Amino acid sequence: MVIVHNLIVKTFWNLPPWAVLAPTSSPSVTDSHAPPPPRLSTHRPPVTQPAPSVVLFDPVTWTGDWSYAVERVALERAGATLVIPDDRAERDAALPDADVVVVSSIDRLTAEHIGRLRRCVGILCYSAGKDTVDLTAAEDAGIPVANVQAGTADVADHAFGLLLAAWRRLPTMFEAAASGSWDLSAHPQVGSIRRLDGKTLGIFGAGAIGRAVAHRARAFGMSTIGTYRRPEKADDLLPHVPIEDLFARSDAVVLTASLTPSSEGIIDARVLGHARRGMVMVNVGRGALVVEPDLVTALDDGTISTVALDVRAQEPPDPATDRLAGRADVIQTPHWAGVSVEALEDLHRLAAETIVELLCEGGRLTR
């Protein structure tokens, strides 16, 4: 029996060790109860894939209590990892392996950065606008770019608040009251105020924010018209008109459009030349929509009576060269239109949900 056993071992010498089962005893070759030979297994242990990497391209640093805890917890539950670089060198090292890149609009994600992304399936902008991402480079690379619409109501509220402040000359009234001046004759511009009811509000950029502004204007008895990037979306709330007609027919215009190559600098001397004299203009879209030297001219000659700006072409503006600073006919807020407790909560929640969606659509996670 030992000889038979040795022959079997020699016969199977070239098989892997696990394929030869050495018996604990030497059963007879004629034993009908001998165990069958073991079945060869083709199973291999699964290869463990690394967790998808979500890299913050430009982490928020302008507020000390900013936290990404909501995003981190949501991503860890989904099976992804959030990477918060300490500096640009660490960020640049993490980019090639990023599955999703998150842009906070502090730095610009350029074509050079996008060219270094080896496995990215999505880019998320922590804002409604996408102007800090090279969209052409992202499209060429086949990488979808998403955004977060967290502060639509807040921006609309702010826009209408600026409209009221400009229309009702509120800064002049605040200053007069603070200085103890109650003499209306000392402030003739206040005597020219007209009521909003029955006036026309034009909205350039009739997206979600523009439509929210239109609803607020209707509540004040105003009629509303808009200029759309896609005129087929126009309706009774905001009938579409060309931009020249928008300025010619409106008593006030609110800019809510995003910044694109076609919209940059669109509010120039030509468009402002169509404006109804004494118009009020509000900008909560992007500062670079407006050619600021042309706006200064329109203010100087009375085409625009008052402008209210939450956004500027350069943020913050250079005090040494800012021709809009210190003017009584200019109201400014520091790009805070979208700020509220609820907007911040929505921002973190929606950002986390959108990142997970991008990872699922890109095949990095399963639903």
Protein backbone atom coordinates (compact mmCIF):
# COMPACT_ATOMS: atom_id res chain seq x y z
CA MET A 1 0.00 0.00 0.00
CA VAL A 2 2.88 2.32 0.67
CA ILE A 3 4.16 1.72 -2.87
CA VAL A 4 0.75 2.62 -4.31
CA HIS A 5 0.61 5.73 -2.19
CA ASN A 6 4.05 6.83 -3.36
CA LEU A 7 3.05 6.29 -6.98
CA ILE A 8 0.02 8.50 -6.48
CA VAL A 9 2.14 11.24 -4.96
CA LYS A 10 4.63 11.04 -7.84
CA THR A 11 1.82 11.12 -10.37
CA PHE A 12 0.45 14.33 -8.92
CA TRP A 13 3.86 15.84 -8.20
CA ASN A 14 3.28 18.74 -10.61
CA LEU A 15 -0.05 19.70 -9.09
CA PRO A 16 -0.12 22.51 -6.53
CA PRO A 17 0.37 21.29 -2.95
CA TRP A 18 -3.24 21.87 -2.04
CA ALA A 19 -4.35 19.50 -4.83
CA VAL A 20 -2.69 16.43 -3.19
CA LEU A 21 -4.43 15.16 -0.12
CA ALA A 22 -2.20 12.92 1.93
CA PRO A 23 -4.41 10.38 3.72
CA THR A 24 -4.13 9.96 7.47
CA SER A 25 -4.18 6.21 6.84
CA SER A 26 -3.48 4.05 3.82
CA PRO A 27 -6.84 2.68 2.65
CA SER A 28 -6.89 -0.39 0.48
CA VAL A 29 -7.10 0.29 -3.24
CA THR A 30 -9.99 -2.14 -3.28
CA ASP A 31 -11.77 -0.42 -0.37
CA SER A 32 -15.16 0.70 -1.74
CA HIS A 33 -15.50 3.14 1.13
CA ALA A 34 -12.41 5.15 0.27
CA PRO A 35 -13.14 8.94 0.11
CA PRO A 36 -13.42 10.53 -3.35
CA PRO A 37 -10.53 12.72 -4.50
CA PRO A 38 -10.95 16.36 -3.54
CA ARG A 39 -12.51 18.75 -6.08
CA LEU A 40 -10.08 21.37 -7.35
CA SER A 41 -11.26 24.87 -6.41
CA THR A 42 -11.09 27.82 -8.83
CA HIS A 43 -12.04 30.37 -6.11
CA ARG A 44 -9.62 33.19 -5.45
CA PRO A 45 -9.96 35.71 -2.63
CA PRO A 46 -11.51 39.01 -3.83
CA VAL A 47 -9.19 41.90 -4.61
CA THR A 48 -9.85 44.76 -2.20
CA GLN A 49 -10.30 48.08 -4.03
CA PRO A 50 -9.23 51.29 -2.30
CA ALA A 51 -12.01 53.57 -1.11
CA PRO A 52 -12.87 56.33 -3.60
CA SER A 53 -11.00 59.55 -2.85
CA VAL A 54 -12.77 62.92 -2.65
CA VAL A 55 -10.23 65.75 -2.69
CA LEU A 56 -11.02 69.30 -1.55
CA PHE A 57 -9.21 71.42 -4.11
CA ASP A 58 -9.38 74.68 -2.11
CA PRO A 59 -10.68 74.10 1.43
CA VAL A 60 -12.55 77.00 2.98
CA THR A 61 -10.25 79.04 5.21
CA TRP A 62 -12.01 82.42 5.42
CA THR A 63 -14.00 81.41 8.47
CA GLY A 64 -12.46 79.75 11.49
CA ASP A 65 -15.42 77.55 12.42
CA TRP A 66 -15.98 75.98 8.99
CA SER A 67 -16.34 72.21 9.25
CA TYR A 68 -16.61 69.38 6.75
CA ALA A 69 -17.97 66.98 9.38
CA VAL A 70 -21.28 66.46 7.58
CA GLU A 71 -19.55 65.58 4.32
CA ARG A 72 -16.96 63.36 6.02
CA VAL A 73 -19.56 61.29 7.89
CA ALA A 74 -21.79 60.90 4.82
CA LEU A 75 -18.89 59.87 2.60
CA GLU A 76 -17.49 57.39 5.11
CA ARG A 77 -20.92 55.78 5.41
CA ALA A 78 -21.02 55.46 1.63
CA GLY A 79 -17.52 53.98 1.53
CA ALA A 80 -15.49 56.98 0.32
CA THR A 81 -12.67 59.00 1.87
CA LEU A 82 -12.55 62.79 2.21
CA VAL A 83 -9.10 64.29 1.70
CA ILE A 84 -8.49 67.80 3.08
CA PRO A 85 -5.00 68.94 2.01
CA ASP A 86 -3.00 71.16 4.35
CA ASP A 87 -1.40 73.09 1.50
CA ARG A 88 -1.16 73.28 -2.29
CA ALA A 89 1.73 70.83 -2.47
CA GLU A 90 -0.32 68.21 -0.63
CA ARG A 91 -3.33 69.03 -2.81
CA ASP A 92 -1.34 68.65 -6.03
CA ALA A 93 -0.03 65.29 -4.82
CA ALA A 94 -3.58 64.06 -4.13
CA LEU A 95 -5.19 65.25 -7.38
CA PRO A 96 -4.06 62.44 -9.74
CA ASP A 97 -5.85 59.80 -7.65
CA ALA A 98 -8.97 61.85 -6.92
CA ASP A 99 -12.28 60.27 -7.89
CA VAL A 100 -14.14 63.52 -7.22
CA VAL A 101 -12.69 67.02 -6.86
CA VAL A 102 -14.54 69.65 -4.82
CA VAL A 103 -13.98 73.33 -5.73
CA SER A 104 -14.90 76.06 -3.23
CA SER A 105 -14.38 79.00 -5.66
CA ILE A 106 -11.33 80.24 -3.76
CA ASP A 107 -8.85 78.98 -6.36
CA ARG A 108 -9.47 78.22 -10.03
CA LEU A 109 -9.40 74.62 -11.26
CA THR A 110 -7.50 75.13 -14.49
CA ALA A 111 -6.98 72.99 -17.57
CA GLU A 112 -3.54 72.11 -16.19
CA HIS A 113 -5.09 70.76 -12.98
CA ILE A 114 -7.76 68.84 -14.90
CA GLY A 115 -5.09 67.35 -17.16
CA ARG A 116 -3.50 65.70 -14.12
CA LEU A 117 -6.70 63.91 -13.07
CA ARG A 118 -6.19 60.22 -13.88
CA ARG A 119 -9.39 58.68 -12.51
CA CYS A 120 -11.76 61.55 -11.77
CA VAL A 121 -15.46 60.92 -12.44
CA GLY A 122 -16.85 64.26 -11.25
CA ILE A 123 -16.15 67.84 -10.14
CA LEU A 124 -18.39 69.57 -7.61
CA CYS A 125 -18.62 73.35 -7.17
CA TYR A 126 -19.58 74.52 -3.70
CA SER A 127 -21.72 77.26 -5.24
CA ALA A 128 -24.40 77.91 -7.84
CA GLY A 129 -21.79 79.21 -10.28
CA LYS A 130 -19.20 77.09 -12.08
CA ASP A 131 -16.95 79.93 -13.26
CA THR A 132 -13.91 78.84 -11.21
CA VAL A 133 -13.66 75.60 -13.22
CA ASP A 134 -12.32 75.40 -16.76
CA LEU A 135 -15.52 73.88 -18.14
CA THR A 136 -14.08 73.35 -21.61
CA ALA A 137 -11.18 71.32 -20.23
CA ALA A 138 -13.55 69.30 -18.04
CA GLU A 139 -15.82 68.57 -21.01
CA ASP A 140 -12.85 67.54 -23.15
CA ALA A 141 -11.77 65.18 -20.38
CA GLY A 142 -15.28 63.73 -20.11
CA ILE A 143 -15.66 64.84 -16.49
CA PRO A 144 -19.12 66.09 -15.44
CA VAL A 145 -19.26 69.30 -13.38
CA ALA A 146 -22.03 69.64 -10.80
CA ASN A 147 -22.97 72.51 -8.50
CA VAL A 148 -24.85 73.06 -5.24
CA GLN A 149 -27.98 75.22 -5.26
CA ALA A 150 -28.14 75.78 -1.50
CA GLY A 151 -28.89 79.49 -1.17
CA THR A 152 -31.43 80.24 -3.88
CA ALA A 153 -34.00 81.74 -1.50
CA ASP A 154 -31.34 83.66 0.41
CA VAL A 155 -29.83 85.23 -2.70
CA ALA A 156 -33.31 86.16 -3.93
CA ASP A 157 -34.10 87.76 -0.56
CA HIS A 158 -30.82 89.67 -0.65
CA ALA A 159 -31.38 90.81 -4.22
CA PHE A 160 -34.79 92.18 -3.41
CA GLY A 161 -33.44 93.74 -0.23
CA LEU A 162 -30.81 95.55 -2.29
CA LEU A 163 -33.49 96.63 -4.75
CA LEU A 164 -35.56 98.10 -1.92
CA ALA A 165 -32.50 99.80 -0.43
CA ALA A 166 -31.58 101.36 -3.77
CA TRP A 167 -35.14 102.23 -4.81
CA ARG A 168 -36.13 103.74 -1.45
CA ARG A 169 -32.74 105.49 -0.97
CA LEU A 170 -32.37 103.74 2.38
CA PRO A 171 -28.63 104.43 2.87
CA THR A 172 -29.35 108.17 2.57
CA MET A 173 -32.11 107.85 5.14
CA PHE A 174 -29.91 105.80 7.48
CA GLU A 175 -27.16 108.39 7.30
CA ALA A 176 -29.56 111.30 7.81
CA ALA A 177 -31.13 109.72 10.87
CA ALA A 178 -27.75 108.78 12.32
CA SER A 179 -26.54 112.37 11.96
CA GLY A 180 -29.72 113.81 13.43
CA SER A 181 -30.83 115.37 10.14
CA TRP A 182 -34.62 115.25 9.81
CA ASP A 183 -34.87 117.98 7.21
CA LEU A 184 -36.21 116.45 3.99
CA SER A 185 -35.19 119.51 1.97
CA ALA A 186 -31.55 118.71 2.73
CA HIS A 187 -31.91 115.43 0.82
CA PRO A 188 -33.71 116.24 -2.45
CA GLN A 189 -33.00 112.82 -3.94
CA VAL A 190 -35.36 111.29 -1.37
CA GLY A 191 -38.19 113.40 -2.71
CA SER A 192 -37.85 111.70 -6.10
CA ILE A 193 -38.75 108.23 -4.79
CA ARG A 194 -41.57 106.52 -6.66
CA ARG A 195 -43.59 103.53 -5.44
CA LEU A 196 -42.74 100.04 -6.69
CA ASP A 197 -46.33 98.99 -7.36
CA GLY A 198 -46.94 99.01 -11.11
CA LYS A 199 -43.27 99.25 -12.09
CA THR A 200 -41.43 96.76 -14.30
CA LEU A 201 -38.55 94.61 -13.05
CA GLY A 202 -36.23 93.07 -15.63
CA ILE A 203 -34.22 90.00 -14.67
CA PHE A 204 -31.11 89.04 -16.59
CA GLY A 205 -30.51 85.35 -15.95
CA ALA A 206 -33.93 83.78 -15.50
CA GLY A 207 -32.80 80.63 -13.69
CA ALA A 208 -33.80 79.48 -10.22
CA ILE A 209 -32.59 82.63 -8.47
CA GLY A 210 -34.05 84.94 -11.11
CA ARG A 211 -37.44 83.28 -10.88
CA ALA A 212 -37.37 83.51 -7.08
CA VAL A 213 -36.70 87.25 -7.39
CA ALA A 214 -39.61 87.52 -9.84
CA HIS A 215 -42.00 85.93 -7.33
CA ARG A 216 -40.95 88.49 -4.72
CA ALA A 217 -41.39 91.34 -7.19
CA ARG A 218 -44.88 90.17 -8.10
CA ALA A 219 -45.79 90.27 -4.41
CA PHE A 220 -44.92 94.00 -4.50
CA GLY A 221 -47.17 94.59 -7.47
CA MET A 222 -44.41 94.74 -10.08
CA SER A 223 -44.58 93.23 -13.55
CA THR A 224 -41.62 91.05 -14.53
CA ILE A 225 -39.75 90.28 -17.74
CA GLY A 226 -36.56 88.31 -18.26
CA THR A 227 -33.74 87.45 -20.59
CA TYR A 228 -33.07 83.73 -20.84
CA ARG A 229 -30.12 81.74 -22.10
CA ARG A 230 -32.79 79.31 -23.35
CA PRO A 231 -35.83 81.38 -24.40
CA GLU A 232 -37.97 78.25 -24.78
CA LYS A 233 -38.15 78.11 -20.96
CA ALA A 234 -39.99 81.44 -20.73
CA ASP A 235 -43.46 81.53 -19.19
CA ASP A 236 -46.04 83.99 -17.88
CA LEU A 237 -44.00 84.74 -14.76
CA LEU A 238 -41.01 85.84 -16.81
CA PRO A 239 -41.71 86.42 -20.51
CA HIS A 240 -38.51 86.46 -22.55
CA VAL A 241 -37.21 89.64 -24.15
CA PRO A 242 -33.80 90.38 -25.69
CA ILE A 243 -31.34 92.08 -23.36
CA GLU A 244 -31.66 95.42 -25.17
CA ASP A 245 -35.44 95.41 -24.62
CA LEU A 246 -34.94 94.31 -21.03
CA PHE A 247 -33.01 97.50 -20.27
CA ALA A 248 -35.27 99.70 -22.38
CA ARG A 249 -38.52 98.53 -20.76
CA SER A 250 -37.49 98.06 -17.12
CA ASP A 251 -37.58 100.52 -14.23
CA ALA A 252 -35.08 98.29 -12.43
CA VAL A 253 -32.91 95.38 -13.53
CA VAL A 254 -31.55 92.56 -11.37
CA LEU A 255 -28.60 90.52 -12.67
CA THR A 256 -28.67 86.89 -11.51
CA ALA A 257 -26.89 85.22 -14.44
CA SER A 258 -23.92 82.91 -14.07
CA LEU A 259 -20.59 83.85 -15.61
CA THR A 260 -19.77 82.15 -18.91
CA PRO A 261 -17.58 83.12 -21.86
CA SER A 262 -20.69 84.51 -23.58
CA SER A 263 -21.95 86.49 -20.56
CA GLU A 264 -18.66 88.00 -19.39
CA GLY A 265 -18.73 91.76 -19.88
CA ILE A 266 -22.19 91.66 -21.47
CA ILE A 267 -23.44 94.66 -19.48
CA ASP A 268 -21.35 97.21 -21.35
CA ALA A 269 -21.79 100.71 -22.75
CA ARG A 270 -23.90 99.39 -25.65
CA VAL A 271 -26.42 97.59 -23.40
CA LEU A 272 -26.43 100.39 -20.80
CA GLY A 273 -27.17 102.80 -23.63
CA HIS A 274 -30.58 101.15 -23.99
CA ALA A 275 -31.46 101.67 -20.31
CA ARG A 276 -34.45 103.74 -19.28
CA ARG A 277 -33.02 106.91 -17.74
CA GLY A 278 -32.80 106.80 -13.95
CA MET A 279 -32.92 103.01 -13.78
CA VAL A 280 -31.89 101.10 -10.64
CA MET A 281 -29.60 98.12 -11.20
CA VAL A 282 -28.79 95.25 -8.80
CA ASN A 283 -26.12 92.59 -9.33
CA VAL A 284 -26.13 89.36 -7.31
CA GLY A 285 -24.84 87.21 -10.20
CA ARG A 286 -21.16 87.70 -10.95
CA GLY A 287 -19.19 90.92 -10.96
CA ALA A 288 -17.58 90.26 -14.31
CA LEU A 289 -20.97 90.40 -16.03
CA VAL A 290 -20.53 94.18 -15.90
CA VAL A 291 -17.86 96.32 -17.54
CA GLU A 292 -17.26 98.51 -14.50
CA PRO A 293 -15.79 101.56 -16.28
CA ASP A 294 -18.94 101.65 -18.44
CA LEU A 295 -21.07 101.44 -15.30
CA VAL A 296 -19.22 104.42 -13.81
CA THR A 297 -20.02 106.42 -16.93
CA ALA A 298 -23.70 105.42 -16.74
CA LEU A 299 -23.83 106.57 -13.11
CA ASP A 300 -22.07 109.85 -13.93
CA ASP A 301 -24.52 110.76 -16.71
CA GLY A 302 -27.64 109.67 -14.79
CA THR A 303 -28.51 106.69 -16.97
CA ILE A 304 -28.32 104.58 -13.83
CA SER A 305 -29.59 106.39 -10.74
CA THR A 306 -28.37 103.85 -8.17
CA VAL A 307 -26.57 100.53 -8.41
CA ALA A 308 -26.50 97.88 -5.68
CA LEU A 309 -23.74 95.29 -5.90
CA ASP A 310 -23.11 92.10 -3.96
CA VAL A 311 -20.44 91.02 -6.45
CA ARG A 312 -17.52 92.73 -8.12
CA ALA A 313 -15.21 91.97 -11.04
CA GLN A 314 -12.32 91.84 -8.56
CA GLU A 315 -13.06 90.65 -5.04
CA PRO A 316 -12.24 92.43 -2.90
CA PRO A 317 -11.74 95.53 -5.08
CA ASP A 318 -8.47 97.42 -4.90
CA PRO A 319 -9.22 100.57 -2.87
CA ALA A 320 -6.55 102.48 -4.77
CA THR A 321 -8.26 102.00 -8.14
CA ASP A 322 -11.92 101.32 -7.27
CA ARG A 323 -13.97 104.04 -8.97
CA LEU A 324 -17.22 102.78 -7.43
CA ALA A 325 -16.08 103.12 -3.82
CA GLY A 326 -17.46 105.92 -1.68
CA ARG A 327 -20.19 107.00 -4.09
CA ALA A 328 -23.63 107.91 -2.75
CA ASP A 329 -25.24 106.20 -5.73
CA VAL A 330 -23.49 102.87 -5.10
CA ILE A 331 -24.57 100.33 -2.45
CA GLN A 332 -22.26 97.38 -1.82
CA THR A 333 -22.29 94.16 0.17
CA PRO A 334 -19.27 91.78 0.23
CA HIS A 335 -20.62 88.81 -1.75
CA TRP A 336 -22.65 87.54 1.19
CA ALA A 337 -26.04 87.26 -0.51
CA GLY A 338 -26.23 83.50 -0.02
CA VAL A 339 -25.44 83.53 3.69
CA SER A 340 -27.91 82.12 6.21
CA VAL A 341 -27.94 79.36 8.81
CA GLU A 342 -30.27 77.28 6.66
CA ALA A 343 -28.22 77.84 3.51
CA LEU A 344 -25.08 76.57 5.24
CA GLU A 345 -26.87 73.48 6.50
CA ASP A 346 -28.25 72.81 3.03
CA LEU A 347 -24.84 73.40 1.46
CA HIS A 348 -23.13 70.65 3.47
CA ARG A 349 -26.01 68.19 3.07
CA LEU A 350 -26.50 68.74 -0.67
CA ALA A 351 -22.77 68.68 -1.31
CA ALA A 352 -22.43 65.29 0.35
CA GLU A 353 -25.43 63.91 -1.55
CA THR A 354 -24.13 65.21 -4.87
CA ILE A 355 -20.64 63.79 -4.31
CA VAL A 356 -22.09 60.34 -3.58
CA GLU A 357 -24.26 60.62 -6.70
CA LEU A 358 -21.21 61.47 -8.83
CA LEU A 359 -19.33 58.47 -7.41
CA CYS A 360 -22.27 56.17 -8.11
CA GLU A 361 -22.76 57.45 -11.64
CA GLY A 362 -19.03 57.07 -12.25
CA GLY A 363 -19.03 53.46 -11.07
CA ARG A 364 -16.93 54.10 -7.99
CA LEU A 365 -19.77 53.26 -5.58
CA THR A 366 -22.90 51.15 -5.88
CA ARG A 367 -26.29 52.44 -4.84
